[in-house]
C-alpha cells in the first residue's frame, strides 16, 4: 500500500481511532493529538504496512504504541476511565434513551476493571478485534488477552449478580 492509498483510507478510521484514544487518555486534546500522530506515523511508515493485512489493526497498533511512549515520557500512569467515551448515535442520529442508560451502566462497570482488562475489553468487544489482533495491538501473548477477558467477564458477572459490595466499597450506600 502506498502513501496515497493510506491517505485515501485514513478518513474512514478517524472516528474509531479517536474513540480508542479517548479510552486511553480521557482528554479530548490528547486524543486529538494521538490520532494526528497516528496518521502522521502511518504515512511516514507506509512502506512497513503489509499488503493484505487489516489497515485498521495496524493503525490501532501505531496509536497504542504512541500512547505507551507518551505515558513513559510523562512518567505517570493515571487511572483511566472508559466512561467518558462518547456513545455513538444510531443510524438516524438519535440515541435511544434506554439503550443509552444501559450502555452507560455497562461503561461504569467496565471502568472499574483494571487498565489491562479494560483495554482488552475495548479492543475485542467494542472494536471487534480478534484475540490475536488485540494481542498484537497490545504487544502481549494471545493467552494474556484470553486471561484478561476471562477475568473481566468474571468480575463483571459478579458485579451484576451482587452489586451491593461494590457500592459499599465506593461509599455509595
Protein backbone atom coordinates (compact mmCIF):
# COMPACT_ATOMS: atom_id res chain seq x y z
CA UNK A 1 0.00 0.00 0.00
CA UNK A 2 1.41 3.38 -0.95
CA UNK A 3 1.29 6.68 0.89
CA UNK A 4 -1.52 7.77 -1.42
CA UNK A 5 -3.52 4.62 -0.65
CA UNK A 6 -3.10 5.05 3.11
CA UNK A 7 -4.04 8.74 2.96
CA UNK A 8 -7.17 7.85 0.98
CA UNK A 9 -8.27 5.27 3.55
CA UNK A 10 -7.32 7.07 6.78
CA UNK A 11 -10.50 9.12 6.85
CA UNK A 12 -12.74 6.12 7.37
CA UNK A 13 -10.85 5.12 10.55
CA UNK A 14 -10.55 8.50 12.26
CA UNK A 15 -13.66 8.19 14.46
CA UNK A 16 -12.66 4.73 15.68
CA UNK A 17 -9.09 5.84 16.36
CA UNK A 18 -10.31 8.91 18.22
CA UNK A 19 -12.66 6.80 20.35
CA UNK A 20 -9.79 4.49 21.32
CA UNK A 21 -7.57 7.49 22.01
CA UNK A 22 -10.29 8.80 24.37
CA UNK A 23 -10.40 5.42 26.15
CA UNK A 24 -6.66 5.67 26.66
CA UNK A 25 -6.27 9.35 27.51
CA UNK A 26 -9.68 10.65 28.68
CA UNK A 27 -8.82 14.04 27.33
CA UNK A 28 -10.06 15.39 24.01
CA UNK A 29 -6.93 17.37 23.25
CA UNK A 30 -4.67 14.41 23.93
CA UNK A 31 -6.96 12.13 21.90
CA UNK A 32 -6.80 14.59 19.02
CA UNK A 33 -3.00 14.65 19.25
CA UNK A 34 -2.78 10.86 19.41
CA UNK A 35 -4.90 10.46 16.29
CA UNK A 36 -2.91 13.11 14.46
CA UNK A 37 0.39 11.47 15.42
CA UNK A 38 -1.01 8.09 14.37
CA UNK A 39 -1.91 9.43 10.94
CA UNK A 40 1.49 11.06 10.51
CA UNK A 41 3.32 7.91 11.62
CA UNK A 42 1.18 5.73 9.32
CA UNK A 43 2.05 7.91 6.35
CA UNK A 44 5.72 8.01 7.31
CA UNK A 45 5.87 4.24 7.80
CA UNK A 46 3.55 3.28 4.92
CA UNK A 47 6.25 1.06 3.44
CA UNK A 48 6.02 -1.13 6.57
CA UNK A 49 2.33 -1.87 6.06
CA UNK A 50 1.90 -5.42 4.83
CA UNK A 51 -0.44 -5.71 1.87
CA UNK A 52 -3.39 -7.96 2.60
CA UNK A 53 -3.44 -7.18 6.32
CA UNK A 54 -6.04 -5.01 8.05
CA UNK A 55 -5.22 -1.31 7.93
CA UNK A 56 -7.35 -0.58 10.99
CA UNK A 57 -5.44 -3.13 13.10
CA UNK A 58 -2.15 -1.59 12.01
CA UNK A 59 -3.41 1.91 12.84
CA UNK A 60 -4.60 0.81 16.29
CA UNK A 61 -1.18 -0.71 16.95
CA UNK A 62 0.50 2.54 15.99
CA UNK A 63 -1.86 4.55 18.21
CA UNK A 64 -1.30 2.21 21.15
CA UNK A 65 2.47 2.41 20.70
CA UNK A 66 2.35 6.21 20.63
CA UNK A 67 0.24 6.21 23.80
CA UNK A 68 2.67 3.90 25.62
CA UNK A 69 5.55 6.17 24.60
CA UNK A 70 3.58 9.19 25.83
CA UNK A 71 2.92 7.57 29.20
CA UNK A 72 6.53 6.55 29.59
CA UNK A 73 7.79 10.01 28.69
CA UNK A 74 5.48 11.65 31.21
CA UNK A 75 6.43 9.15 33.97
CA UNK A 76 2.87 8.83 35.10
CA UNK A 77 0.15 6.25 34.73
CA UNK A 78 -3.23 7.73 35.59
CA UNK A 79 -6.22 5.56 36.34
CA UNK A 80 -8.02 5.79 33.03
CA UNK A 81 -11.78 5.84 32.71
CA UNK A 82 -13.76 4.39 29.88
CA UNK A 83 -16.99 6.10 30.96
CA UNK A 84 -16.08 9.41 29.31
CA UNK A 85 -16.10 7.88 25.84
CA UNK A 86 -18.90 9.33 23.78
CA UNK A 87 -21.60 6.89 22.76
CA UNK A 88 -22.38 6.84 19.06
CA UNK A 89 -25.91 7.71 17.93
CA UNK A 90 -27.83 5.16 15.88
CA UNK A 91 -28.20 5.41 12.12
CA UNK A 92 -30.96 8.03 12.43
CA UNK A 93 -28.66 10.23 14.51
CA UNK A 94 -30.64 9.71 17.74
CA UNK A 95 -29.82 7.98 20.98
CA UNK A 96 -32.41 5.56 22.30
CA UNK A 97 -32.68 6.62 25.96
CA UNK A 98 -32.99 3.05 27.24
CA UNK A 99 -30.01 1.91 25.21
CA UNK A 100 -28.04 4.94 26.35
CA UNK A 101 -28.72 4.24 30.04
CA UNK A 102 -27.91 0.56 29.63
CA UNK A 103 -24.68 1.36 27.79
CA UNK A 104 -23.75 3.90 30.46
CA UNK A 105 -24.21 1.29 33.23
CA UNK A 106 -22.04 -1.16 31.34
CA UNK A 107 -19.38 1.51 30.80
CA UNK A 108 -19.34 2.32 34.53
CA UNK A 109 -18.86 -1.36 35.40
CA UNK A 110 -16.15 -1.78 32.80
CA UNK A 111 -14.46 1.36 34.14
CA UNK A 112 -13.88 -0.37 37.46
CA UNK A 113 -11.81 -3.07 35.77
CA UNK A 114 -8.02 -2.88 35.92
CA UNK A 115 -6.49 -0.99 33.00
CA UNK A 116 -5.17 -4.08 31.19
CA UNK A 117 -8.60 -5.72 31.30
CA UNK A 118 -10.33 -2.51 30.16
CA UNK A 119 -8.05 -2.26 27.13
CA UNK A 120 -8.67 -5.89 26.17
CA UNK A 121 -12.45 -5.50 26.61
CA UNK A 122 -12.49 -2.36 24.49
CA UNK A 123 -10.46 -3.80 21.62
CA UNK A 124 -12.27 -7.15 21.46
CA UNK A 125 -15.85 -6.27 22.40
CA UNK A 126 -16.16 -2.67 21.22
CA UNK A 127 -13.80 -2.58 18.24
CA UNK A 128 -14.33 -6.21 17.21
CA UNK A 129 -10.67 -7.19 17.12
CA UNK A 130 -9.87 -10.90 17.20
CA UNK A 131 -7.95 -12.12 20.23
CA UNK A 132 -4.80 -12.29 18.10
CA UNK A 133 -5.30 -8.78 16.74
CA UNK A 134 -5.80 -7.41 20.27
CA UNK A 135 -2.69 -9.29 21.42
CA UNK A 136 -0.69 -7.84 18.54
CA UNK A 137 -2.01 -4.34 19.24
CA UNK A 138 -1.10 -4.51 22.93
CA UNK A 139 2.15 -6.46 22.32
CA UNK A 140 1.18 -9.32 24.60
CA UNK A 141 0.65 -13.06 24.00
CA UNK A 142 -2.82 -14.18 22.91
CA UNK A 143 -3.13 -16.17 26.16
CA UNK A 144 -2.79 -12.92 28.09
CA UNK A 145 -5.72 -11.43 26.17
CA UNK A 146 -7.78 -14.54 26.82
CA UNK A 147 -6.94 -14.40 30.52
CA UNK A 148 -7.71 -10.68 30.79
CA UNK A 149 -11.06 -11.15 29.08
CA UNK A 150 -11.96 -14.16 31.24
CA UNK A 151 -11.10 -12.22 34.39
CA UNK A 152 -13.06 -9.20 33.16
CA UNK A 153 -16.13 -11.33 32.39
CA UNK A 154 -15.90 -12.98 35.80
CA UNK A 155 -15.63 -9.61 37.56
CA UNK A 156 -18.50 -8.13 35.56
CA UNK A 157 -20.68 -11.17 36.24
CA UNK A 158 -20.05 -10.84 39.99
CA UNK A 159 -20.82 -7.12 39.79
CA UNK A 160 -24.16 -7.80 38.11
CA UNK A 161 -25.03 -10.65 40.49
CA UNK A 162 -24.07 -8.78 43.67
CA UNK A 163 -23.74 -5.01 43.09
CA UNK A 164 -24.10 -4.13 46.80
CA UNK A 165 -20.48 -4.83 47.87
CA UNK A 166 -19.24 -2.54 45.11
CA UNK A 167 -21.47 0.27 46.29
CA UNK A 168 -20.22 -0.13 49.87
CA UNK A 169 -16.61 -0.06 48.75
CA UNK A 170 -17.20 3.13 46.85
CA UNK A 171 -19.23 4.74 49.61
CA UNK A 172 -22.42 4.80 47.53
CA UNK A 173 -24.80 3.36 50.13
